[in-house]
């Protein structure tokens, strides 16, 4: 779990190239995807998964195991997936 005073900043670029930041206090920080998945399914809120690079993220998205998981979940969760390259 994240500590109560821990802060994290996500940095983004808008479609026009304008930088934006979102600083927040995470309720959970983990590098374990199973834990992250369970927390997301239980309604923890926004989930950010970091990959080493864009190619790795796209490969994970295109993986047969991920596609099968999406089929199994069907409409069991609300998803808004975005893959963006880090700044």
C-alpha atoms as a PDB file:
ATOM      1  CA  UNK A   1       0.000   0.000   0.000  1.00  0.00           C
ATOM      2  CA  UNK A   2       1.058   3.566  -0.527  1.00  0.00           C
ATOM      3  CA  UNK A   3       1.776   5.633   2.559  1.00  0.00           C
ATOM      4  CA  UNK A   4      -0.682   8.406   3.457  1.00  0.00           C
ATOM      5  CA  UNK A   5       1.710  11.238   2.636  1.00  0.00           C
ATOM      6  CA  UNK A   6       3.055   9.756  -0.588  1.00  0.00           C
ATOM      7  CA  UNK A   7       2.558  11.894  -3.709  1.00  0.00           C
ATOM      8  CA  UNK A   8       2.920  10.859  -7.326  1.00  0.00           C
ATOM      9  CA  UNK A   9       2.911  12.931 -10.503  1.00  0.00           C
ATOM     10  CA  UNK A  10       1.794  11.661 -13.895  1.00  0.00           C
ATOM     11  CA  UNK A  11       3.107  13.697 -16.834  1.00  0.00           C
ATOM     12  CA  UNK A  12       1.297  13.782 -20.168  1.00  0.00           C
ATOM     13  CA  UNK A  13       1.455  15.576 -23.503  1.00  0.00           C
ATOM     14  CA  UNK A  14      -1.799  16.789 -25.007  1.00  0.00           C
ATOM     15  CA  UNK A  15      -2.629  16.143 -28.656  1.00  0.00           C
ATOM     16  CA  UNK A  16      -1.276  19.620 -29.429  1.00  0.00           C
ATOM     17  CA  UNK A  17       1.978  18.878 -27.559  1.00  0.00           C
ATOM     18  CA  UNK A  18       1.082  20.939 -24.486  1.00  0.00           C
ATOM     19  CA  UNK A  19       2.456  19.310 -21.320  1.00  0.00           C
ATOM     20  CA  UNK A  20       0.104  18.538 -18.435  1.00  0.00           C
ATOM     21  CA  UNK A  21       0.639  17.086 -14.977  1.00  0.00           C
ATOM     22  CA  UNK A  22      -1.619  15.323 -12.517  1.00  0.00           C
ATOM     23  CA  UNK A  23      -0.299  15.126  -8.951  1.00  0.00           C
ATOM     24  CA  UNK A  24      -2.183  12.821  -6.625  1.00  0.00           C
ATOM     25  CA  UNK A  25      -1.864  10.648  -3.532  1.00  0.00           C
ATOM     26  CA  UNK A  26      -2.209   7.039  -4.677  1.00  0.00           C
ATOM     27  CA  UNK A  27      -4.255   4.648  -2.557  1.00  0.00           C
ATOM     28  CA  UNK A  28      -2.178   1.739  -3.833  1.00  0.00           C
ATOM     29  CA  UNK A  29       1.174   1.413  -5.531  1.00  0.00           C
ATOM     30  CA  UNK A  30       2.318  -2.031  -6.641  1.00  0.00           C
ATOM     31  CA  UNK A  31       4.386  -3.712  -9.325  1.00  0.00           C
ATOM     32  CA  UNK A  32       2.285  -6.881  -9.078  1.00  0.00           C
ATOM     33  CA  UNK A  33      -0.244  -7.074 -11.936  1.00  0.00           C
ATOM     34  CA  UNK A  34      -2.439  -9.607 -10.098  1.00  0.00           C
ATOM     35  CA  UNK A  35      -2.818  -7.211  -7.156  1.00  0.00           C
ATOM     36  CA  UNK A  36      -3.432  -4.294  -9.520  1.00  0.00           C
ATOM     37  CA  UNK A  37      -6.118  -6.227 -11.395  1.00  0.00           C
ATOM     38  CA  UNK A  38      -7.919  -7.202  -8.182  1.00  0.00           C
ATOM     39  CA  UNK A  39      -7.830  -3.612  -6.932  1.00  0.00           C
ATOM     40  CA  UNK A  40      -9.186  -2.308 -10.235  1.00  0.00           C
ATOM     41  CA  UNK A  41     -12.008  -4.869 -10.254  1.00  0.00           C
ATOM     42  CA  UNK A  42     -12.920  -3.830  -6.720  1.00  0.00           C
ATOM     43  CA  UNK A  43     -13.262  -0.183  -7.782  1.00  0.00           C
ATOM     44  CA  UNK A  44     -10.009   1.448  -6.651  1.00  0.00           C
ATOM     45  CA  UNK A  45     -10.326   3.946  -9.508  1.00  0.00           C
ATOM     46  CA  UNK A  46      -7.880   4.897 -12.228  1.00  0.00           C
ATOM     47  CA  UNK A  47      -5.112   2.417 -12.888  1.00  0.00           C
ATOM     48  CA  UNK A  48      -1.838   3.248 -14.577  1.00  0.00           C
ATOM     49  CA  UNK A  49       0.350   0.414 -15.801  1.00  0.00           C
ATOM     50  CA  UNK A  50       3.853   1.406 -16.863  1.00  0.00           C
ATOM     51  CA  UNK A  51       5.824  -0.536 -19.434  1.00  0.00           C
ATOM     52  CA  UNK A  52       9.477  -0.178 -20.334  1.00  0.00           C
ATOM     53  CA  UNK A  53       8.592   1.318 -23.717  1.00  0.00           C
ATOM     54  CA  UNK A  54       5.736   1.783 -26.176  1.00  0.00           C
ATOM     55  CA  UNK A  55       6.558  -1.377 -28.150  1.00  0.00           C
ATOM     56  CA  UNK A  56       6.304  -3.507 -24.993  1.00  0.00           C
ATOM     57  CA  UNK A  57       2.949  -1.937 -24.078  1.00  0.00           C
ATOM     58  CA  UNK A  58       1.555  -2.582 -27.560  1.00  0.00           C
ATOM     59  CA  UNK A  59       2.821  -6.164 -27.475  1.00  0.00           C
ATOM     60  CA  UNK A  60       1.063  -6.739 -24.143  1.00  0.00           C
ATOM     61  CA  UNK A  61      -2.161  -5.272 -25.545  1.00  0.00           C
ATOM     62  CA  UNK A  62      -1.951  -7.511 -28.620  1.00  0.00           C
ATOM     63  CA  UNK A  63      -1.063 -10.658 -26.640  1.00  0.00           C
ATOM     64  CA  UNK A  64      -3.481 -13.583 -27.010  1.00  0.00           C
ATOM     65  CA  UNK A  65      -3.723 -13.945 -23.200  1.00  0.00           C
ATOM     66  CA  UNK A  66      -4.879 -10.333 -22.856  1.00  0.00           C
ATOM     67  CA  UNK A  67      -7.449 -10.738 -25.644  1.00  0.00           C
ATOM     68  CA  UNK A  68      -8.764 -13.885 -23.943  1.00  0.00           C
ATOM     69  CA  UNK A  69      -9.029 -12.062 -20.613  1.00  0.00           C
ATOM     70  CA  UNK A  70     -11.072  -9.305 -22.285  1.00  0.00           C
ATOM     71  CA  UNK A  71     -13.424 -11.899 -23.772  1.00  0.00           C
ATOM     72  CA  UNK A  72     -13.795 -13.595 -20.370  1.00  0.00           C
ATOM     73  CA  UNK A  73     -14.579 -10.303 -18.612  1.00  0.00           C
ATOM     74  CA  UNK A  74     -17.079  -9.291 -21.288  1.00  0.00           C
ATOM     75  CA  UNK A  75     -19.081  -6.442 -19.745  1.00  0.00           C
ATOM     76  CA  UNK A  76     -18.006  -7.276 -16.184  1.00  0.00           C
ATOM     77  CA  UNK A  77     -15.945  -4.100 -15.857  1.00  0.00           C
ATOM     78  CA  UNK A  78     -16.006  -0.600 -17.274  1.00  0.00           C
ATOM     79  CA  UNK A  79     -12.819   0.029 -19.230  1.00  0.00           C
ATOM     80  CA  UNK A  80     -11.325   3.069 -20.909  1.00  0.00           C
ATOM     81  CA  UNK A  81      -7.927   1.945 -22.136  1.00  0.00           C
ATOM     82  CA  UNK A  82      -5.355   4.383 -23.456  1.00  0.00           C
ATOM     83  CA  UNK A  83      -1.815   3.593 -24.472  1.00  0.00           C
ATOM     84  CA  UNK A  84       0.401   6.663 -24.475  1.00  0.00           C
ATOM     85  CA  UNK A  85       4.119   7.071 -24.841  1.00  0.00           C
ATOM     86  CA  UNK A  86       5.758   8.513 -21.737  1.00  0.00           C
ATOM     87  CA  UNK A  87       7.366  11.927 -21.610  1.00  0.00           C
END
